[in-house]
Each structure stands twice: as C-alpha cells, then as structure tokens.
Amino acid sequence: MKRHFEEQLDRLRVKIIKMCSLVDEQLEVAIKALLENNQELAQTVIERDKQVDKYDLKIDKICQKLFALNQPVAADLRLIMSSLNINTNLERIGDLAVNLCENFLHIKEKPAFIDDTRIPEMILLSKDMVKKSFDAFINGDAKTAEDVIKSDDLLDNMNRENHAILIDIMKQSPDNIEHAVGLLVISRLLERAGDHATNIAEDVYFIYQASNIRHRYEKLIMGENGDTHDENSDVSEDTEE
C-alpha cells in the first residue's frame, strides 16, 4: 500500500513538471509572438491551451485520489495540498499566455512606442519569475522560491509606472489610444503572471520549509521585526515530520 502511495506521489510530481514545461513554453511563445509581430505563433498558443487544461484535470484527479485513498501526513500532506494550488496557478499562467495572444491579435501589431514603457523589462522579469518558480518546485529549492517572492514588488512597481507612461502617450495623440490600451492590458497580464509565479513559490516554500508565508513574507523571508514564529508556528508543528 505504501509503495503504491509513493508511486502515485511520483506520478503527481512528474505531471506537475510536465505541466510546468508546457506552461513555460506557452508563455515564451506568446511573448515571442508579440515581440516578432507573429500572428501565426499567437494562434498556436491559443490552440494549445487545451493541452494545459487536460493536465489541470489530470493533476486535480491524482490529488483527489491521494486524499481519498490515503491519510497523508507531514511532507506528503504538504506536497499534495500545495500541488492543488500550484496546479491552479499553472493553469492560470497558461490562460494569461492565451490572453496575451488574444490581445496581440486584437491590436494586430506591436506598438512602436513599446520601448518607451517598462514592458520590455517586465517581460524579462516575469519570464524569469515564472521559470524560477518552476525550477524551485522541480529542484526542491526554497532559496530560489524566496528570490521569486522578493521580485514581486519590483514587477508591481513597473506595472504602476506603465499606467502613467501610457496615459501620457495617449494624451499625445488620439491615434495612440488603441495601442496604448493594448499595452496597458499586456502590462497587467505580465504582472498577473508574476503574481501566479509568486503563489507557486510560496507553496514551494511551504512544502520544503513547513512554513506558510502567504501575506507575511516580509517578516518570514526578509526578517522584518525578527518575528518568524508567531501564528505560523502552528502550521510548522502540525506538518512536522
């Protein structure tokens, strides 16, 4: 029975890793389609979204069976609980890749003033956060997960700056409005991709450090006030091996 349970856990890890690879490729191709003005590539991302949805359903089903047929504890329980959250965030990053492509197809071309915004930097940072969150899960690396979480504020700031920049661009000419609005949407989508990467990183941290850091990473990672063991101590104790 224990061997079967371990085999199912391994199957769960493999499915998530495969979904990470697929979602990473979807986001990469979506961004490439935008930067290269390639509508055919954008359409490919949209058509492949069904594969992401299939993995979503498979991973969800595996987690349900693991809960229903076993009584997981400690690290195994953390892995299964977090896998459900990670799966949801992976599916949403896949959706964001599709949204990027749909928005690009709507505006039909990359706006000439994209380089006047923080979007090129956001593209690099959001891609890096997503990839690192996946690597953190695959390698069981809580330190890499911390790096992702620390990057989230920077991405948020870039998104806010884009709002001011693009409003100014719209004021310069009515002809800029449609493309500027399109870039506002793209900026928000990139920021959301970073949010989901951060969520994944928080779950990775929970799996390997047995500490729930959602909404409290300033204290638990950055050491503000030196307080790392208040209400979260109960989580650590309950999931301790």
C-alpha atoms as a PDB file:
ATOM      1  CA  MET A   1       0.000   0.000   0.000  1.00  0.00           C
ATOM      2  CA  LYS A   2       2.805   2.406   0.941  1.00  0.00           C
ATOM      3  CA  ARG A   3       4.663   1.605  -2.263  1.00  0.00           C
ATOM      4  CA  HIS A   4       1.557   2.362  -4.329  1.00  0.00           C
ATOM      5  CA  PHE A   5       1.143   5.675  -2.483  1.00  0.00           C
ATOM      6  CA  GLU A   6       4.760   6.642  -3.209  1.00  0.00           C
ATOM      7  CA  GLU A   7       4.285   5.719  -6.858  1.00  0.00           C
ATOM      8  CA  GLN A   8       1.248   7.981  -7.027  1.00  0.00           C
ATOM      9  CA  LEU A   9       3.230  10.837  -5.429  1.00  0.00           C
ATOM     10  CA  ASP A  10       5.957  10.352  -8.041  1.00  0.00           C
ATOM     11  CA  ARG A  11       3.288  10.394 -10.736  1.00  0.00           C
ATOM     12  CA  LEU A  12       1.948  13.641  -9.319  1.00  0.00           C
ATOM     13  CA  ARG A  13       5.402  15.257  -9.376  1.00  0.00           C
ATOM     14  CA  VAL A  14       6.000  14.132 -12.971  1.00  0.00           C
ATOM     15  CA  LYS A  15       2.649  15.527 -14.141  1.00  0.00           C
ATOM     16  CA  ILE A  16       3.324  18.897 -12.499  1.00  0.00           C
ATOM     17  CA  ILE A  17       6.813  19.055 -14.007  1.00  0.00           C
ATOM     18  CA  LYS A  18       5.386  18.312 -17.461  1.00  0.00           C
ATOM     19  CA  MET A  19       2.735  20.980 -16.972  1.00  0.00           C
ATOM     20  CA  CYS A  20       5.444  23.438 -15.876  1.00  0.00           C
ATOM     21  CA  SER A  21       7.305  22.758 -19.107  1.00  0.00           C
ATOM     22  CA  LEU A  22       4.181  23.215 -21.230  1.00  0.00           C
ATOM     23  CA  VAL A  23       3.108  26.429 -19.492  1.00  0.00           C
ATOM     24  CA  ASP A  24       6.650  27.827 -19.676  1.00  0.00           C
ATOM     25  CA  GLU A  25       6.665  27.186 -23.427  1.00  0.00           C
ATOM     26  CA  GLN A  26       3.208  28.759 -23.831  1.00  0.00           C
ATOM     27  CA  LEU A  27       4.332  31.964 -22.129  1.00  0.00           C
ATOM     28  CA  GLU A  28       7.612  32.019 -24.047  1.00  0.00           C
ATOM     29  CA  VAL A  29       5.871  31.627 -27.409  1.00  0.00           C
ATOM     30  CA  ALA A  30       3.191  34.186 -26.542  1.00  0.00           C
ATOM     31  CA  ILE A  31       5.841  36.798 -25.764  1.00  0.00           C
ATOM     32  CA  LYS A  32       7.795  35.865 -28.880  1.00  0.00           C
ATOM     33  CA  ALA A  33       4.648  36.296 -30.975  1.00  0.00           C
ATOM     34  CA  LEU A  34       4.195  39.821 -29.593  1.00  0.00           C
ATOM     35  CA  LEU A  35       7.816  40.900 -29.977  1.00  0.00           C
ATOM     36  CA  GLU A  36       8.121  39.465 -33.502  1.00  0.00           C
ATOM     37  CA  ASN A  37       4.680  40.565 -34.718  1.00  0.00           C
ATOM     38  CA  ASN A  38       3.914  36.926 -35.481  1.00  0.00           C
ATOM     39  CA  GLN A  39       0.168  36.283 -35.557  1.00  0.00           C
ATOM     40  CA  GLU A  40       0.632  32.647 -36.552  1.00  0.00           C
ATOM     41  CA  LEU A  41       2.616  31.960 -33.385  1.00  0.00           C
ATOM     42  CA  ALA A  42      -0.065  33.682 -31.332  1.00  0.00           C
ATOM     43  CA  GLN A  43      -2.708  31.434 -32.834  1.00  0.00           C
ATOM     44  CA  THR A  44      -0.596  28.373 -31.966  1.00  0.00           C
ATOM     45  CA  VAL A  45      -0.606  29.343 -28.279  1.00  0.00           C
ATOM     46  CA  ILE A  46      -4.386  29.711 -28.293  1.00  0.00           C
ATOM     47  CA  GLU A  47      -4.875  26.324 -29.938  1.00  0.00           C
ATOM     48  CA  ARG A  48      -2.546  24.545 -27.478  1.00  0.00           C
ATOM     49  CA  ASP A  49      -4.429  25.804 -24.424  1.00  0.00           C
ATOM     50  CA  LYS A  50      -6.495  22.597 -24.424  1.00  0.00           C
ATOM     51  CA  GLN A  51      -3.345  20.637 -23.520  1.00  0.00           C
ATOM     52  CA  VAL A  52      -2.859  22.796 -20.429  1.00  0.00           C
ATOM     53  CA  ASP A  53      -6.489  22.214 -19.439  1.00  0.00           C
ATOM     54  CA  LYS A  54      -6.011  18.435 -19.783  1.00  0.00           C
ATOM     55  CA  TYR A  55      -3.031  18.473 -17.422  1.00  0.00           C
ATOM     56  CA  ASP A  56      -5.042  20.596 -14.999  1.00  0.00           C
ATOM     57  CA  LEU A  57      -7.773  17.958 -14.838  1.00  0.00           C
ATOM     58  CA  LYS A  58      -5.300  15.058 -14.563  1.00  0.00           C
ATOM     59  CA  ILE A  59      -3.356  16.624 -11.703  1.00  0.00           C
ATOM     60  CA  ASP A  60      -6.544  17.515  -9.864  1.00  0.00           C
ATOM     61  CA  LYS A  61      -7.775  13.935 -10.195  1.00  0.00           C
ATOM     62  CA  ILE A  62      -4.484  12.492  -8.880  1.00  0.00           C
ATOM     63  CA  CYS A  63      -4.637  14.774  -5.828  1.00  0.00           C
ATOM     64  CA  GLN A  64      -8.236  13.786  -5.131  1.00  0.00           C
ATOM     65  CA  LYS A  65      -7.342  10.086  -5.246  1.00  0.00           C
ATOM     66  CA  LEU A  66      -4.360  10.588  -2.957  1.00  0.00           C
ATOM     67  CA  PHE A  67      -6.591  12.264  -0.383  1.00  0.00           C
ATOM     68  CA  ALA A  68      -9.448   9.789  -0.779  1.00  0.00           C
ATOM     69  CA  LEU A  69      -7.439   6.552  -0.601  1.00  0.00           C
ATOM     70  CA  ASN A  70      -4.723   7.535   1.878  1.00  0.00           C
ATOM     71  CA  GLN A  71      -4.165   9.563   5.015  1.00  0.00           C
ATOM     72  CA  PRO A  72      -1.127  11.644   4.081  1.00  0.00           C
ATOM     73  CA  VAL A  73       0.774  13.432   6.834  1.00  0.00           C
ATOM     74  CA  ALA A  74       3.744  15.784   7.211  1.00  0.00           C
ATOM     75  CA  ALA A  75       5.741  16.368   3.990  1.00  0.00           C
ATOM     76  CA  ASP A  76       3.416  14.211   1.884  1.00  0.00           C
ATOM     77  CA  LEU A  77       0.386  16.174   3.048  1.00  0.00           C
ATOM     78  CA  ARG A  78       2.135  19.470   2.306  1.00  0.00           C
ATOM     79  CA  LEU A  79       3.055  18.241  -1.176  1.00  0.00           C
ATOM     80  CA  ILE A  80      -0.494  17.197  -2.074  1.00  0.00           C
ATOM     81  CA  MET A  81      -2.111  20.319  -0.604  1.00  0.00           C
ATOM     82  CA  SER A  82       0.349  22.590  -2.358  1.00  0.00           C
ATOM     83  CA  SER A  83       0.121  20.661  -5.618  1.00  0.00           C
ATOM     84  CA  LEU A  84      -3.544  21.609  -5.876  1.00  0.00           C
ATOM     85  CA  ASN A  85      -2.618  25.289  -5.532  1.00  0.00           C
ATOM     86  CA  ILE A  86       0.359  25.014  -7.870  1.00  0.00           C
ATOM     87  CA  ASN A  87      -1.803  23.306 -10.465  1.00  0.00           C
ATOM     88  CA  THR A  88      -4.346  26.130 -10.312  1.00  0.00           C
ATOM     89  CA  ASN A  89      -1.636  28.766 -10.727  1.00  0.00           C
ATOM     90  CA  LEU A  90      -0.056  26.882 -13.631  1.00  0.00           C
ATOM     91  CA  GLU A  91      -3.401  26.733 -15.407  1.00  0.00           C
ATOM     92  CA  ARG A  92      -3.871  30.456 -14.879  1.00  0.00           C
ATOM     93  CA  ILE A  93      -0.420  31.297 -16.258  1.00  0.00           C
ATOM     94  CA  GLY A  94      -1.426  29.254 -19.296  1.00  0.00           C
ATOM     95  CA  ASP A  95      -4.602  31.320 -19.559  1.00  0.00           C
ATOM     96  CA  LEU A  96      -2.563  34.529 -19.328  1.00  0.00           C
ATOM     97  CA  ALA A  97      -0.393  33.374 -22.239  1.00  0.00           C
ATOM     98  CA  VAL A  98      -3.585  32.915 -24.261  1.00  0.00           C
ATOM     99  CA  ASN A  99      -4.857  36.335 -23.143  1.00  0.00           C
ATOM    100  CA  LEU A 100      -1.576  37.919 -24.274  1.00  0.00           C
ATOM    101  CA  CYS A 101      -2.018  36.374 -27.709  1.00  0.00           C
ATOM    102  CA  GLU A 102      -5.681  37.342 -27.983  1.00  0.00           C
ATOM    103  CA  ASN A 103      -4.816  40.925 -27.061  1.00  0.00           C
ATOM    104  CA  PHE A 104      -1.976  40.975 -29.601  1.00  0.00           C
ATOM    105  CA  LEU A 105      -4.275  39.639 -32.327  1.00  0.00           C
ATOM    106  CA  HIS A 106      -6.758  42.366 -31.440  1.00  0.00           C
ATOM    107  CA  ILE A 107      -4.263  45.228 -31.797  1.00  0.00           C
ATOM    108  CA  LYS A 108      -2.726  43.406 -34.801  1.00  0.00           C
ATOM    109  CA  GLU A 109       0.856  44.619 -34.311  1.00  0.00           C
ATOM    110  CA  LYS A 110       3.420  45.524 -31.711  1.00  0.00           C
ATOM    111  CA  PRO A 111       3.058  49.247 -30.929  1.00  0.00           C
ATOM    112  CA  ALA A 112       6.066  51.331 -31.961  1.00  0.00           C
ATOM    113  CA  PHE A 113       6.213  53.031 -28.546  1.00  0.00           C
ATOM    114  CA  ILE A 114       6.504  49.781 -26.554  1.00  0.00           C
ATOM    115  CA  ASP A 115      10.168  50.593 -25.880  1.00  0.00           C
ATOM    116  CA  ASP A 116       9.114  53.824 -24.171  1.00  0.00           C
ATOM    117  CA  THR A 117       7.432  51.746 -21.457  1.00  0.00           C
ATOM    118  CA  ARG A 118       8.681  49.316 -18.802  1.00  0.00           C
ATOM    119  CA  ILE A 119       7.122  46.413 -20.689  1.00  0.00           C
ATOM    120  CA  PRO A 120      10.406  45.067 -22.163  1.00  0.00           C
ATOM    121  CA  GLU A 121      11.793  44.890 -18.604  1.00  0.00           C
ATOM    122  CA  MET A 122       8.549  43.357 -17.333  1.00  0.00           C
ATOM    123  CA  ILE A 123       8.768  40.665 -19.983  1.00  0.00           C
ATOM    124  CA  LEU A 124      12.241  39.660 -18.832  1.00  0.00           C
ATOM    125  CA  LEU A 125      11.358  39.772 -15.130  1.00  0.00           C
ATOM    126  CA  SER A 126       8.023  37.946 -15.403  1.00  0.00           C
ATOM    127  CA  LYS A 127       9.582  35.197 -17.544  1.00  0.00           C
ATOM    128  CA  ASP A 128      12.418  34.854 -15.022  1.00  0.00           C
ATOM    129  CA  MET A 129       9.998  34.675 -12.080  1.00  0.00           C
ATOM    130  CA  VAL A 130       7.883  32.013 -13.774  1.00  0.00           C
ATOM    131  CA  LYS A 131      10.910  29.913 -14.732  1.00  0.00           C
ATOM    132  CA  LYS A 132      12.467  30.214 -11.276  1.00  0.00           C
ATOM    133  CA  SER A 133       9.215  29.228  -9.572  1.00  0.00           C
ATOM    134  CA  PHE A 134       9.140  26.084 -11.722  1.00  0.00           C
ATOM    135  CA  ASP A 135      12.808  25.367 -11.007  1.00  0.00           C
ATOM    136  CA  ALA A 136      12.161  25.822  -7.288  1.00  0.00           C
ATOM    137  CA  PHE A 137       9.490  23.113  -7.394  1.00  0.00           C
ATOM    138  CA  ILE A 138      11.466  20.741  -9.600  1.00  0.00           C
ATOM    139  CA  ASN A 139      14.650  21.039  -7.510  1.00  0.00           C
ATOM    140  CA  GLY A 140      13.020  21.427  -4.092  1.00  0.00           C
ATOM    141  CA  ASP A 141      14.809  24.759  -3.726  1.00  0.00           C
ATOM    142  CA  ALA A 142      13.327  27.084  -1.109  1.00  0.00           C
ATOM    143  CA  LYS A 143      16.059  29.698  -1.713  1.00  0.00           C
ATOM    144  CA  THR A 144      15.032  30.098  -5.350  1.00  0.00           C
ATOM    145  CA  ALA A 145      11.424  30.360  -4.187  1.00  0.00           C
ATOM    146  CA  GLU A 146      12.478  33.248  -1.914  1.00  0.00           C
ATOM    147  CA  ASP A 147      14.094  35.019  -4.878  1.00  0.00           C
ATOM    148  CA  VAL A 148      10.824  34.842  -6.814  1.00  0.00           C
ATOM    149  CA  ILE A 149       8.810  36.238  -3.910  1.00  0.00           C
ATOM    150  CA  LYS A 150      11.234  39.130  -3.426  1.00  0.00           C
ATOM    151  CA  SER A 151      10.881  40.097  -7.120  1.00  0.00           C
ATOM    152  CA  ASP A 152       7.119  40.559  -6.967  1.00  0.00           C
ATOM    153  CA  ASP A 153       7.161  44.145  -5.648  1.00  0.00           C
ATOM    154  CA  LEU A 154       9.509  45.237  -8.446  1.00  0.00           C
ATOM    155  CA  LEU A 155       7.158  43.840 -11.087  1.00  0.00           C
ATOM    156  CA  ASP A 156       4.189  45.557  -9.417  1.00  0.00           C
ATOM    157  CA  ASN A 157       6.047  48.883  -9.480  1.00  0.00           C
ATOM    158  CA  MET A 158       6.817  48.513 -13.188  1.00  0.00           C
ATOM    159  CA  ASN A 159       3.138  47.894 -13.887  1.00  0.00           C
ATOM    160  CA  ARG A 160       2.173  51.051 -11.995  1.00  0.00           C
ATOM    161  CA  GLU A 161       4.787  53.072 -13.885  1.00  0.00           C
ATOM    162  CA  ASN A 162       3.382  51.832 -17.185  1.00  0.00           C
ATOM    163  CA  HIS A 163      -0.021  53.279 -16.346  1.00  0.00           C
ATOM    164  CA  ALA A 164       1.445  56.782 -16.010  1.00  0.00           C
ATOM    165  CA  ILE A 165       3.650  56.400 -19.106  1.00  0.00           C
ATOM    166  CA  LEU A 166       0.855  55.086 -21.319  1.00  0.00           C
ATOM    167  CA  ILE A 167      -1.663  57.709 -20.191  1.00  0.00           C
ATOM    168  CA  ASP A 168       0.851  60.368 -21.255  1.00  0.00           C
ATOM    169  CA  ILE A 169       1.285  58.617 -24.611  1.00  0.00           C
ATOM    170  CA  MET A 170      -2.498  58.580 -25.123  1.00  0.00           C
ATOM    171  CA  LYS A 171      -2.631  62.324 -24.417  1.00  0.00           C
ATOM    172  CA  GLN A 172      -0.082  62.976 -27.151  1.00  0.00           C
ATOM    173  CA  SER A 173      -2.378  61.747 -29.934  1.00  0.00           C
ATOM    174  CA  PRO A 174      -5.784  60.051 -30.286  1.00  0.00           C
ATOM    175  CA  ASP A 175      -4.089  57.688 -32.766  1.00  0.00           C
ATOM    176  CA  ASN A 176      -2.109  56.201 -29.871  1.00  0.00           C
ATOM    177  CA  ILE A 177      -5.107  55.272 -27.748  1.00  0.00           C
ATOM    178  CA  GLU A 178      -5.917  51.802 -29.103  1.00  0.00           C
ATOM    179  CA  HIS A 179      -2.329  50.565 -28.971  1.00  0.00           C
ATOM    180  CA  ALA A 180      -1.697  52.198 -25.603  1.00  0.00           C
ATOM    181  CA  VAL A 181      -4.755  50.483 -24.131  1.00  0.00           C
ATOM    182  CA  GLY A 182      -3.463  47.215 -25.584  1.00  0.00           C
ATOM    183  CA  LEU A 183      -0.146  47.745 -23.825  1.00  0.00           C
ATOM    184  CA  LEU A 184      -1.928  48.531 -20.560  1.00  0.00           C
ATOM    185  CA  VAL A 185      -3.604  45.132 -20.836  1.00  0.00           C
ATOM    186  CA  ILE A 186      -0.287  43.435 -21.648  1.00  0.00           C
ATOM    187  CA  SER A 187       1.363  45.131 -18.670  1.00  0.00           C
ATOM    188  CA  ARG A 188      -1.378  43.879 -16.366  1.00  0.00           C
ATOM    189  CA  LEU A 189      -1.153  40.349 -17.782  1.00  0.00           C
ATOM    190  CA  LEU A 190       2.603  40.248 -17.203  1.00  0.00           C
ATOM    191  CA  GLU A 191       2.077  41.488 -13.640  1.00  0.00           C
ATOM    192  CA  ARG A 192      -0.510  38.750 -13.071  1.00  0.00           C
ATOM    193  CA  ALA A 193       1.906  36.113 -14.409  1.00  0.00           C
ATOM    194  CA  GLY A 194       4.368  37.286 -11.770  1.00  0.00           C
ATOM    195  CA  ASP A 195       1.661  37.037  -9.106  1.00  0.00           C
ATOM    196  CA  HIS A 196       0.980  33.406 -10.025  1.00  0.00           C
ATOM    197  CA  ALA A 197       4.715  32.641 -10.069  1.00  0.00           C
ATOM    198  CA  THR A 198       4.888  34.139  -6.567  1.00  0.00           C
ATOM    199  CA  ASN A 199       1.974  31.956  -5.444  1.00  0.00           C
ATOM    200  CA  ILE A 200       3.802  28.877  -6.734  1.00  0.00           C
ATOM    201  CA  ALA A 201       6.985  29.964  -4.946  1.00  0.00           C
ATOM    202  CA  GLU A 202       5.070  30.391  -1.680  1.00  0.00           C
ATOM    203  CA  ASP A 203       3.731  26.848  -1.998  1.00  0.00           C
ATOM    204  CA  VAL A 204       7.213  25.509  -2.746  1.00  0.00           C
ATOM    205  CA  TYR A 205       8.467  27.257   0.384  1.00  0.00           C
ATOM    206  CA  PHE A 206       5.624  25.660   2.364  1.00  0.00           C
ATOM    207  CA  ILE A 207       6.433  22.180   1.030  1.00  0.00           C
ATOM    208  CA  TYR A 208      10.124  22.270   1.892  1.00  0.00           C
ATOM    209  CA  GLN A 209      10.256  24.640   4.870  1.00  0.00           C
ATOM    210  CA  ALA A 210       6.957  23.630   6.535  1.00  0.00           C
ATOM    211  CA  SER A 211       6.111  27.312   6.966  1.00  0.00           C
ATOM    212  CA  ASN A 212       3.160  29.181   5.477  1.00  0.00           C
ATOM    213  CA  ILE A 213       4.455  32.574   4.331  1.00  0.00           C
ATOM    214  CA  ARG A 214       1.460  33.894   2.395  1.00  0.00           C
ATOM    215  CA  HIS A 215       0.887  37.604   3.105  1.00  0.00           C
ATOM    216  CA  ARG A 216       3.778  37.605   5.585  1.00  0.00           C
ATOM    217  CA  TYR A 217       6.913  37.168   3.505  1.00  0.00           C
ATOM    218  CA  GLU A 218       8.392  40.477   4.719  1.00  0.00           C
ATOM    219  CA  LYS A 219       8.781  39.009   8.193  1.00  0.00           C
ATOM    220  CA  LEU A 220       9.497  35.399   7.338  1.00  0.00           C
ATOM    221  CA  ILE A 221      11.948  35.944   4.494  1.00  0.00           C
ATOM    222  CA  MET A 222      13.250  39.474   4.919  1.00  0.00           C
ATOM    223  CA  GLY A 223      13.393  39.250   8.697  1.00  0.00           C
ATOM    224  CA  GLU A 224      11.440  42.398   9.488  1.00  0.00           C
ATOM    225  CA  ASN A 225      10.926  42.778  13.265  1.00  0.00           C
ATOM    226  CA  GLY A 226      12.731  39.471  13.732  1.00  0.00           C
ATOM    227  CA  ASP A 227       9.357  37.767  14.052  1.00  0.00           C
ATOM    228  CA  THR A 228       9.238  34.427  12.263  1.00  0.00           C
ATOM    229  CA  HIS A 229       7.392  32.148  14.629  1.00  0.00           C
ATOM    230  CA  ASP A 230       4.018  33.549  15.673  1.00  0.00           C
ATOM    231  CA  GLU A 231       0.760  32.137  14.251  1.00  0.00           C
ATOM    232  CA  ASN A 232       2.644  30.216  11.564  1.00  0.00           C
ATOM    233  CA  SER A 233       4.353  28.108  14.201  1.00  0.00           C
ATOM    234  CA  ASP A 234       1.187  26.036  14.431  1.00  0.00           C
ATOM    235  CA  VAL A 235       1.466  25.170  10.734  1.00  0.00           C
ATOM    236  CA  SER A 236       5.076  24.110  11.134  1.00  0.00           C
ATOM    237  CA  GLU A 237       4.328  21.964  14.175  1.00  0.00           C
ATOM    238  CA  ASP A 238       1.294  20.296  12.605  1.00  0.00           C
ATOM    239  CA  THR A 239       3.193  19.361   9.432  1.00  0.00           C
ATOM    240  CA  GLU A 240       6.471  18.455  11.065  1.00  0.00           C
ATOM    241  CA  GLU A 241       7.855  15.033  10.217  1.00  0.00           C
END
